[in-house]
Protein backbone atom coordinates (compact mmCIF):
# COMPACT_ATOMS: atom_id res chain seq x y z
CA MET A 1 55.52 -11.68 62.28
CA PRO A 2 54.02 -15.03 63.40
CA ILE A 3 53.79 -15.57 67.01
CA SER A 4 56.51 -17.89 68.52
CA PRO A 5 55.02 -21.36 69.40
CA SER A 6 56.20 -20.57 72.81
CA SER A 7 54.32 -18.03 73.30
CA MET A 8 50.98 -19.46 71.62
CA ILE A 9 51.18 -22.41 73.85
CA ASN A 10 48.68 -20.86 76.50
CA GLN A 11 46.62 -18.94 74.05
CA TYR A 12 45.07 -21.23 71.16
CA LYS A 13 42.29 -23.87 71.81
CA PHE A 14 40.57 -26.42 69.52
CA GLU A 15 37.95 -24.87 67.38
CA ASP A 16 35.70 -27.66 68.57
CA GLU A 17 36.71 -28.19 71.97
CA SER A 18 37.69 -26.47 74.92
CA GLU A 19 41.28 -28.35 75.75
CA LEU A 20 44.20 -26.82 75.10
CA ARG A 21 45.86 -27.36 71.51
CA ASP A 22 48.82 -29.95 71.35
CA LEU A 23 49.75 -29.14 67.84
CA PHE A 24 51.71 -25.76 67.17
CA ILE A 25 53.09 -24.74 63.77
CA THR A 26 54.46 -21.60 62.20
CA VAL A 27 55.85 -20.88 58.95
CA ASP A 28 58.32 -17.96 58.44
CA ASP A 29 61.84 -17.43 57.54
CA PRO A 30 61.93 -17.54 53.87
CA GLU A 31 65.00 -17.81 52.01
CA SER A 32 65.75 -17.61 48.31
CA HIS A 33 67.73 -20.33 46.28
CA ILE A 34 69.11 -20.21 43.07
CA THR A 35 70.18 -23.02 40.94
CA ALA A 36 71.13 -23.42 37.12
CA ILE A 37 67.78 -24.65 36.66
CA GLU A 38 65.45 -22.53 38.82
CA THR A 39 64.92 -20.03 41.20
CA PHE A 40 62.73 -20.83 44.61
CA ILE A 41 61.78 -19.90 47.78
CA THR A 42 62.12 -22.42 51.01
CA TYR A 43 60.06 -21.70 54.41
CA ARG A 44 60.95 -22.86 57.72
CA VAL A 45 58.59 -24.77 59.35
CA VAL A 46 58.60 -25.05 63.06
CA THR A 47 56.51 -27.52 65.01
CA LYS A 48 56.03 -28.03 68.59
CA THR A 49 53.85 -30.78 70.11
CA SER A 50 52.98 -32.96 73.12
CA ARG A 51 51.61 -35.87 71.28
CA GLY A 52 52.63 -39.47 71.85
CA GLU A 53 53.06 -40.38 68.32
CA PHE A 54 55.94 -37.88 67.65
CA ASP A 55 59.34 -38.80 68.54
CA SER A 56 60.38 -35.31 69.46
CA SER A 57 58.88 -32.38 71.17
CA GLU A 58 59.93 -29.78 68.43
CA TYR A 59 61.04 -30.09 65.06
CA GLU A 60 62.27 -27.54 62.37
CA VAL A 61 62.45 -28.30 58.81
CA ARG A 62 62.29 -26.34 55.34
CA ARG A 63 59.77 -26.81 52.75
CA ARG A 64 59.20 -25.34 49.32
CA TYR A 65 56.12 -24.78 47.70
CA GLN A 66 55.77 -28.15 45.83
CA ASP A 67 56.31 -29.71 49.22
CA PHE A 68 52.82 -28.04 50.15
CA LEU A 69 51.46 -29.16 46.86
CA TRP A 70 52.63 -32.75 47.53
CA LEU A 71 50.99 -32.54 50.73
CA LYS A 72 47.59 -31.40 49.53
CA SER A 73 47.32 -34.04 46.98
CA ARG A 74 48.34 -36.90 49.21
CA LEU A 75 45.66 -35.44 51.84
CA GLU A 76 43.12 -35.68 48.71
CA GLU A 77 44.02 -39.17 47.80
CA ALA A 78 43.69 -40.43 51.56
CA HIS A 79 40.46 -38.33 52.19
CA PRO A 80 38.37 -38.04 48.98
CA THR A 81 35.46 -36.56 50.39
CA LEU A 82 37.13 -34.43 53.04
CA ILE A 83 37.35 -30.26 52.64
CA ILE A 84 40.92 -29.95 52.46
CA PRO A 85 42.32 -26.35 53.00
CA PRO A 86 43.33 -24.52 50.15
CA LEU A 87 46.53 -23.33 48.99
CA PRO A 88 47.47 -20.17 47.58
CA GLU A 89 48.08 -20.44 43.79
CA LYS A 90 51.62 -20.98 41.99
CA PHE A 91 51.14 -18.09 39.74
CA ILE A 92 49.92 -14.48 40.67
CA MET A 93 47.53 -12.47 39.26
CA LYS A 94 49.30 -10.19 36.48
CA GLY A 95 49.60 -6.34 37.73
CA MET A 96 49.09 -7.42 41.04
CA VAL A 97 52.53 -8.00 42.73
CA GLU A 98 55.75 -9.49 41.30
CA ARG A 99 57.16 -12.86 41.69
CA PHE A 100 59.59 -13.19 44.43
CA SER A 101 59.05 -9.58 45.47
CA ASP A 102 58.98 -9.41 49.41
CA GLU A 103 55.06 -8.47 49.30
CA PHE A 104 54.32 -11.61 47.44
CA ILE A 105 56.72 -13.96 49.42
CA GLU A 106 54.77 -12.26 52.73
CA THR A 107 51.58 -12.92 51.21
CA ARG A 108 52.67 -16.60 50.20
CA ARG A 109 54.05 -17.26 53.78
CA LYS A 110 50.79 -16.35 55.76
CA ALA A 111 49.05 -18.38 53.19
CA LEU A 112 50.76 -21.71 53.74
CA HIS A 113 51.11 -20.94 57.53
CA LYS A 114 47.13 -21.03 57.64
CA PHE A 115 47.16 -24.17 55.35
CA LEU A 116 49.02 -25.90 57.84
CA ASN A 117 47.09 -24.45 60.53
CA ARG A 118 43.85 -25.63 59.34
CA ILE A 119 45.06 -28.94 58.86
CA ALA A 120 46.32 -29.05 62.38
CA ASP A 121 42.67 -27.97 63.71
CA HIS A 122 40.95 -30.52 61.62
CA PRO A 123 39.95 -33.48 63.67
CA THR A 124 40.80 -35.98 60.95
CA LEU A 125 43.46 -34.61 58.81
CA THR A 126 45.62 -33.86 62.04
CA PHE A 127 46.32 -37.03 62.56
CA ASN A 128 47.50 -38.07 58.77
CA GLU A 129 50.36 -39.87 58.46
CA ASP A 130 51.74 -37.89 55.26
CA PHE A 131 51.03 -34.66 57.46
CA LYS A 132 53.36 -35.90 60.07
CA ILE A 133 56.10 -36.72 57.73
CA PHE A 134 55.85 -33.28 56.14
CA LEU A 135 56.16 -31.92 59.71
CA THR A 136 58.90 -33.79 60.78
CA ALA A 137 61.06 -35.36 57.90
CA GLN A 138 64.31 -33.76 56.44
CA ALA A 139 64.38 -32.91 53.24
CA TRP A 140 66.03 -36.34 51.99
CA GLU A 141 63.59 -37.91 53.85
CA LEU A 142 60.69 -36.26 52.61
CA SER A 143 61.96 -36.73 49.20
CA SER A 144 62.32 -40.60 49.61
CA HIS A 145 58.62 -40.90 51.06
CA LYS A 146 57.44 -39.10 48.03
CA LYS A 147 58.82 -41.69 45.84
CA GLN A 148 56.74 -44.31 47.58
CA GLY A 149 53.47 -42.58 46.37
CA PRO A 150 51.11 -44.23 43.94
CA GLY A 151 52.32 -45.43 40.65
CA LEU A 152 51.50 -44.33 37.37
CA LEU A 153 48.90 -47.23 36.95
CA SER A 154 47.37 -46.26 39.80
CA ARG A 155 46.93 -42.33 38.82
CA MET A 156 45.70 -43.71 35.50
CA GLY A 157 43.30 -45.78 36.93
CA GLN A 158 41.63 -43.10 39.03
CA THR A 159 41.79 -40.71 35.84
CA VAL A 160 40.03 -43.51 33.85
CA ARG A 161 37.04 -43.91 36.60
CA ALA A 162 36.55 -40.25 36.59
CA VAL A 163 36.42 -40.03 33.16
CA ALA A 164 33.80 -42.82 32.93
CA SER A 165 31.85 -41.62 35.61
CA SER A 166 31.26 -38.34 34.03
CA VAL A 167 30.28 -39.82 30.76
CA ARG A 168 27.52 -41.51 32.65
CA GLY A 169 26.37 -38.28 33.32
CA GLY A 170 24.16 -37.63 36.63
CA VAL A 171 24.34 -39.55 39.68
CA LYS A 172 20.80 -41.55 39.71
CA ASN A 173 20.52 -41.78 43.47
CA ARG A 174 22.19 -38.99 44.74
CA PRO A 175 20.63 -37.84 48.12
CA GLU A 176 18.59 -34.74 48.33
CA MET A 177 21.50 -33.05 50.86
CA PHE A 178 24.07 -33.41 48.37
CA THR A 179 22.06 -31.97 45.57
CA GLU A 180 21.18 -29.00 47.88
CA MET A 181 24.94 -28.70 48.83
CA ASN A 182 25.59 -28.73 44.88
CA SER A 183 23.16 -25.83 44.36
CA TYR A 184 24.41 -23.85 47.49
CA MET A 185 27.84 -23.96 46.21
CA GLU A 186 27.33 -23.02 42.84
CA THR A 187 25.66 -19.69 44.28
CA PHE A 188 28.19 -19.29 46.83
CA SER A 189 31.07 -19.44 44.21
CA GLN A 190 29.40 -16.79 42.05
CA LYS A 191 29.23 -14.49 44.54
CA ILE A 192 32.34 -15.20 46.22
CA ASN A 193 34.07 -14.75 42.68
CA VAL A 194 32.27 -11.22 42.09
CA LEU A 195 33.05 -10.32 45.68
CA ASP A 196 37.09 -10.98 45.11
CA LYS A 197 37.03 -9.22 41.65
CA ILE A 198 35.27 -6.12 43.00
CA ALA A 199 37.62 -5.95 46.31
CA HIS A 200 40.81 -6.07 44.08
CA ARG A 201 39.40 -3.34 41.92
CA ILE A 202 38.68 -1.35 44.77
CA TYR A 203 41.98 -1.90 46.27
CA LYS A 204 43.72 -1.18 42.99
CA GLU A 205 41.85 2.38 42.70
CA GLU A 206 42.71 2.91 46.39
CA ARG A 207 46.22 2.79 45.42
CA GLU A 208 45.69 4.97 43.01
CA TYR A 209 44.37 7.67 44.76
CA PHE A 210 46.72 7.23 47.59
CA ASN A 211 49.54 7.97 44.88
CA GLU A 212 47.73 11.19 43.55
CA MET A 213 47.44 12.33 47.23
CA LYS A 214 50.87 12.10 47.98
CA GLU A 215 51.41 14.73 44.97
CA TYR A 216 48.45 16.55 45.59
CA GLY A 217 49.35 18.16 49.19
CA PRO A 218 53.07 19.00 48.57
CA ILE A 219 51.75 21.39 45.86
CA HIS A 220 49.71 23.59 48.10
CA THR A 221 52.85 23.62 50.55
CA LEU A 222 55.09 24.87 47.35
CA TRP A 223 52.30 27.41 46.41
CA SER A 224 52.14 28.72 49.67
CA ALA A 225 55.76 30.14 49.27
CA SER A 226 54.62 32.64 46.78
CA GLU A 227 51.21 33.61 48.26
CA GLU A 228 51.82 35.21 51.63
CA ASP A 229 47.90 36.53 52.22
CA ILE A 230 46.80 32.88 52.13
CA ALA A 231 50.13 31.25 52.95
CA GLU A 232 48.79 29.77 56.43
CA SER A 233 45.62 28.37 54.72
CA LEU A 234 47.49 26.76 52.02
CA LYS A 235 49.83 24.84 54.53
CA GLY A 236 46.69 23.85 56.50
CA VAL A 237 45.33 22.13 53.39
CA ALA A 238 48.57 20.61 52.85
CA SER A 239 48.62 19.61 56.31
CA CYS A 240 45.08 17.87 56.01
CA ILE A 241 45.75 16.05 52.82
CA ASP A 242 49.00 14.79 54.47
CA LYS A 243 46.91 13.40 57.39
CA CYS A 244 44.44 11.86 54.87
CA CYS A 245 47.05 10.04 52.91
CA LYS A 246 48.30 8.34 56.05
CA ALA A 247 44.78 7.36 57.20
CA THR A 248 44.41 5.92 53.66
CA GLU A 249 47.56 3.68 53.62
CA LYS A 250 46.39 2.41 56.85
CA ARG A 251 43.15 1.77 54.96
CA MET A 252 44.80 -0.20 52.50
CA ALA A 253 46.78 -2.19 54.52
CA GLY A 254 43.61 -3.10 56.68
CA LEU A 255 42.26 -4.54 52.89
CA SER A 256 45.30 -6.13 51.84
CA GLU A 257 45.93 -8.14 55.15
CA ASN A 258 42.01 -8.88 55.98
CA LEU A 259 39.64 -8.65 53.46
CA LEU A 260 41.31 -9.72 50.46
CA PRO A 261 43.28 -12.76 51.61
CA ILE A 262 39.88 -14.33 53.32
CA LEU A 263 38.00 -13.38 50.18
CA HIS A 264 40.38 -15.07 47.71
CA GLU A 265 40.69 -17.90 50.22
CA TYR A 266 36.98 -18.62 50.14
CA VAL A 267 36.96 -18.29 46.29
CA LEU A 268 39.65 -21.31 46.12
CA TYR A 269 37.48 -23.13 48.87
CA SER A 270 34.49 -23.16 46.54
CA GLU A 271 36.78 -24.71 43.77
CA ILE A 272 37.80 -27.34 46.07
CA LEU A 273 34.41 -28.07 47.57
CA MET A 274 32.86 -28.72 43.95
CA GLY A 275 35.64 -30.98 43.45
CA VAL A 276 34.66 -33.03 46.89
CA LEU A 277 31.30 -33.10 45.81
CA LYS A 278 32.26 -34.30 42.38
CA ARG A 279 34.44 -37.32 43.93
CA ARG A 280 31.47 -38.30 46.52
CA ASP A 281 29.43 -38.36 43.21
CA GLN A 282 31.75 -40.70 41.58
CA ILE A 283 31.88 -43.23 44.52
CA GLN A 284 28.15 -43.08 44.15
CA GLY A 285 28.02 -43.60 40.33
CA GLU A 286 30.47 -46.57 40.87
CA LEU A 287 27.96 -48.14 43.14
CA ASP A 288 25.00 -47.37 40.56
CA SER A 289 26.89 -48.98 37.60
CA ARG A 290 27.40 -52.01 39.64
CA VAL A 291 23.94 -52.37 40.89
CA ASP A 292 22.78 -51.67 37.34
CA ALA A 293 25.36 -54.72 36.17
CA LEU A 294 23.97 -56.86 38.84
CA SER A 295 20.29 -56.56 37.57
CA SER A 296 20.98 -57.24 34.02
CA LYS A 297 23.26 -60.58 35.18
CA LYS A 298 22.28 -63.80 36.17
CA THR A 299 25.28 -65.44 36.88
CA GLU A 300 27.97 -64.40 39.45
CA LYS A 301 25.54 -62.89 41.60
CA ASP A 302 27.46 -63.70 44.80
CA LEU A 303 30.54 -62.19 43.39
CA PHE A 304 28.68 -58.76 42.73
CA SER A 305 26.35 -58.64 45.78
CA GLU A 306 29.92 -58.60 47.93
CA GLU A 307 31.26 -56.17 45.55
CA ILE A 308 28.01 -54.03 46.27
CA GLY A 309 28.02 -54.37 49.69
CA LYS A 310 31.82 -53.22 49.75
CA LEU A 311 30.44 -50.17 47.79
CA GLU A 312 27.68 -49.42 50.04
CA ASP A 313 30.07 -49.31 52.95
CA LYS A 314 32.29 -46.85 50.98
CA VAL A 315 29.48 -44.37 49.81
CA GLU A 316 28.27 -44.50 53.35
CA CYS A 317 31.80 -43.50 54.71
CA ALA A 318 32.12 -40.90 51.87
CA ASN A 319 28.87 -39.62 52.82
CA ASN A 320 29.34 -39.19 56.65
CA ALA A 321 32.71 -37.80 56.24
CA LEU A 322 31.17 -35.37 53.96
CA LYS A 323 28.68 -34.20 56.19
CA ALA A 324 30.37 -33.71 58.98
CA ASP A 325 33.11 -31.57 57.31
CA TRP A 326 30.38 -29.76 55.39
CA ASP A 327 28.86 -28.48 58.61
CA ARG A 328 32.26 -27.80 60.22
CA TRP A 329 33.16 -25.60 57.07
CA LYS A 330 30.17 -23.81 56.72
CA GLN A 331 30.49 -22.51 60.68
CA ASN A 332 34.10 -21.53 59.90
CA MET A 333 33.24 -19.85 56.68
CA GLN A 334 30.23 -17.66 58.19
CA CYS A 335 32.74 -17.14 61.65
CA ASP A 336 35.59 -15.76 59.21
CA MET A 337 33.07 -13.73 57.49
CA ARG A 338 31.66 -11.84 60.10
CA SER A 339 35.13 -11.39 61.70
CA THR A 340 36.24 -9.82 58.36
CA PHE A 341 33.48 -7.70 57.55
CA THR A 342 33.40 -6.39 61.32
CA ASN A 343 37.25 -5.85 60.87
CA VAL A 344 36.52 -3.44 57.74
CA ALA A 345 33.52 -1.88 59.01
CA GLU A 346 35.83 -0.57 61.85
CA ASN A 347 38.66 0.30 59.65
CA ASN A 348 36.44 2.19 57.58
CA LEU A 349 34.89 3.92 60.79
CA ARG A 350 38.46 4.97 62.09
CA TYR A 351 39.00 6.02 58.60
CA TYR A 352 36.11 8.45 58.10
CA GLU A 353 36.12 9.55 61.88
CA GLU A 354 39.88 10.68 61.34
CA CYS A 355 39.95 12.56 57.98
CA LEU A 356 36.50 14.34 59.22
CA ALA A 357 38.18 15.29 62.43
CA THR A 358 41.41 16.43 60.53
CA TRP A 359 39.12 18.73 58.10
CA GLU A 360 36.78 20.12 60.72
CA SER A 361 39.93 21.30 62.77
CA PHE A 362 41.06 22.82 59.49
CA LEU A 363 37.60 24.82 59.38
CA ALA A 364 37.56 25.64 62.98
CA SER A 365 40.86 27.18 62.60
CA GLN A 366 39.73 29.16 59.21
CA THR A 367 36.72 30.36 61.11
CA VAL A 368 39.21 32.05 64.04
CA ASP A 369 41.21 33.72 61.75
CA LEU A 370 38.64 34.87 59.80
CA HIS A 371 36.78 36.28 62.72
CA VAL A 372 40.05 38.11 63.85
CA GLU A 373 40.54 39.92 60.45
CA GLU A 374 36.94 41.35 60.48
CA ASP A 375 37.52 42.35 64.11
CA SER A 376 40.54 44.34 62.91
CA GLU A 377 38.62 45.85 60.51
CA ASP A 378 36.23 46.93 62.08
CA ARG A 379 38.46 48.88 64.42
CA PRO A 380 38.49 52.75 64.04
């Protein structure tokens, strides 16, 4: 279960600063709601803060998955070239876990908890007004605030601009830095997706192995009842299999709690980053099109020049925001990967050492018994 906000107060620090954090968020206590139309889960979101812009030092609200989606959408709209943390998908992979099962709900709760805390740790997103409203508003207040969002015509305008940008093709004046980012993300996306698929396959095979082991050990115990001469050996094998089975279960827990979530989170991050780079290109493309229009028109040059000046400022802001976030994201990604792979290595080491010690102990006992039998046979 997550650590309570009160106990976290002296533990957490900013990722980039030495000062104590001033915003603590936990997501817990999932509740199922059944209506005539739908079934859904809400989660309790508890916030503790010492920030002056908050009217209170503590808030407790309930949010459903759609509310988290709304927040992510608003953050992307307000900060198109910042890297917004990923949310878990609405639908789950077939054959993994059932929707609304305890395992699914707990996995989602952890992901939502991480989503909010990554936003809280971000130097810009943490001060977003919609984020504050998400943390503090009661359900009816949040619902009212959502209706104040951009209208249909605004969203249609954004879509038209995006389509127009894609039709124009590649950006002519894209800085080399962002071309390199695109190339990096294409490679990263390919590799992390392969790792994610293989890791899920390994986990599935490990689960199948674990289920077979649970049936394998008891057979030796049952057999020992009808084989008096080797009964102790059979019981010893059964005991070893049982211990290895428990060690396998612990290793599976390590995979499902540490490796799989991190790999899949960065699969989602790769999709988000490709989207961010496309949005930066759209802003650049808008500037390029205005520059081309200015060069072909002799009239209205003053009007176009003013608009181009504003677009140049917009491109510069977008570029600077992405540069800063890119460095921050890469640093966090590398730290997460090192920590995850180190954890996997340590878990594997403990697993194999435990299994090795179990079977070595069994062999040692069999060797002693064999010597005792040989000595008794040599005596006159």
